[in-house]
């Protein structure tokens, strides 16, 4: 397993209707590095976004989709998604506030 730094863990936020509805409960969804574990994700969120305290982290591994072009089949890359629950006294994450 490679040595993953905290700034390599979070790849990008997930912007969907379901993830936006969870923001009212202080739940934020991110695409994360496939080798990252829950403690690394918690550390990365707390270091990258000042004033946040993570209550829990839920992760899910998603297999790549099968794609076809003519007779040739292939798969897209695997991804990992993390839903981060912040504590009640934690600050909100600013990147989601303008949306």
Protein backbone atom coordinates (compact mmCIF):
# COMPACT_ATOMS: atom_id res chain seq x y z
CA UNK A 1 0.00 0.00 0.00
CA UNK A 2 1.32 3.39 -0.97
CA UNK A 3 2.04 6.16 1.52
CA UNK A 4 -0.96 8.50 1.12
CA UNK A 5 -0.66 12.07 2.42
CA UNK A 6 -3.74 13.87 3.73
CA UNK A 7 -3.92 16.18 0.70
CA UNK A 8 -4.07 13.15 -1.65
CA UNK A 9 -7.01 11.52 0.13
CA UNK A 10 -9.91 13.77 -0.95
CA UNK A 11 -10.21 13.98 -4.73
CA UNK A 12 -13.39 16.04 -5.25
CA UNK A 13 -16.81 16.70 -3.74
CA UNK A 14 -19.89 14.87 -5.02
CA UNK A 15 -22.63 17.28 -6.13
CA UNK A 16 -25.99 15.48 -6.43
CA UNK A 17 -29.49 16.10 -5.14
CA UNK A 18 -29.06 13.46 -2.47
CA UNK A 19 -25.73 14.84 -1.26
CA UNK A 20 -27.15 18.39 -1.17
CA UNK A 21 -30.09 17.20 0.95
CA UNK A 22 -27.63 15.67 3.43
CA UNK A 23 -25.88 19.00 3.95
CA UNK A 24 -28.73 20.11 6.23
CA UNK A 25 -27.69 17.31 8.60
CA UNK A 26 -23.98 18.26 8.20
CA UNK A 27 -23.25 15.27 5.94
CA UNK A 28 -20.80 15.92 3.11
CA UNK A 29 -19.95 13.51 0.29
CA UNK A 30 -16.52 13.23 -1.34
CA UNK A 31 -14.78 11.01 -3.88
CA UNK A 32 -11.67 9.73 -2.11
CA UNK A 33 -8.54 7.74 -2.93
CA UNK A 34 -9.35 4.04 -3.34
CA UNK A 35 -6.69 2.96 -0.81
CA UNK A 36 -7.70 5.48 1.90
CA UNK A 37 -9.28 4.18 5.10
CA UNK A 38 -11.76 5.90 7.42
CA UNK A 39 -9.16 7.32 9.81
CA UNK A 40 -7.18 8.84 6.92
CA UNK A 41 -10.38 10.42 5.53
CA UNK A 42 -11.25 11.86 8.95
CA UNK A 43 -7.74 13.30 9.34
CA UNK A 44 -7.81 14.80 5.83
CA UNK A 45 -11.15 16.57 6.34
CA UNK A 46 -10.10 18.02 9.69
CA UNK A 47 -6.76 19.27 8.31
CA UNK A 48 -8.04 20.63 4.99
CA UNK A 49 -11.10 22.45 6.36
CA UNK A 50 -10.31 24.51 9.49
CA UNK A 51 -12.75 24.32 12.39
CA UNK A 52 -14.38 21.04 11.35
CA UNK A 53 -14.73 18.06 13.67
CA UNK A 54 -15.71 14.73 12.14
CA UNK A 55 -18.25 12.61 14.00
CA UNK A 56 -18.29 9.60 11.65
CA UNK A 57 -17.20 8.45 8.20
CA UNK A 58 -19.09 6.00 5.99
CA UNK A 59 -17.36 4.65 2.89
CA UNK A 60 -18.47 2.69 -0.14
CA UNK A 61 -16.48 1.08 -2.93
CA UNK A 62 -18.04 1.38 -6.37
CA UNK A 63 -16.96 -0.91 -9.20
CA UNK A 64 -16.35 0.52 -12.63
CA UNK A 65 -19.20 0.49 -15.13
CA UNK A 66 -19.04 -1.79 -18.15
CA UNK A 67 -18.82 0.27 -21.33
CA UNK A 68 -19.02 -0.92 -24.91
CA UNK A 69 -17.73 0.56 -28.15
CA UNK A 70 -18.71 -1.66 -31.04
CA UNK A 71 -17.78 -5.23 -30.19
CA UNK A 72 -15.17 -4.24 -27.60
CA UNK A 73 -16.10 -4.24 -23.91
CA UNK A 74 -14.20 -2.39 -21.20
CA UNK A 75 -14.63 -1.03 -17.69
CA UNK A 76 -14.29 2.43 -16.22
CA UNK A 77 -12.10 2.95 -13.16
CA UNK A 78 -13.17 1.89 -9.66
CA UNK A 79 -14.02 4.71 -7.26
CA UNK A 80 -14.53 5.14 -3.55
CA UNK A 81 -17.06 7.50 -2.01
CA UNK A 82 -17.07 8.79 1.58
CA UNK A 83 -19.95 10.39 3.47
CA UNK A 84 -18.54 12.51 6.30
CA UNK A 85 -20.81 13.44 9.25
CA UNK A 86 -19.66 16.53 11.18
CA UNK A 87 -20.41 17.24 14.84
CA UNK A 88 -23.13 19.74 15.81
CA UNK A 89 -20.64 22.39 17.02
CA UNK A 90 -18.41 22.05 13.94
CA UNK A 91 -18.10 24.73 11.27
CA UNK A 92 -19.62 24.10 7.83
CA UNK A 93 -17.37 23.34 4.87
CA UNK A 94 -17.11 26.48 2.71
CA UNK A 95 -16.81 24.81 -0.70
CA UNK A 96 -20.42 23.68 -0.43
CA UNK A 97 -21.81 27.03 0.80
CA UNK A 98 -21.92 28.76 -2.60
CA UNK A 99 -23.93 25.98 -4.24
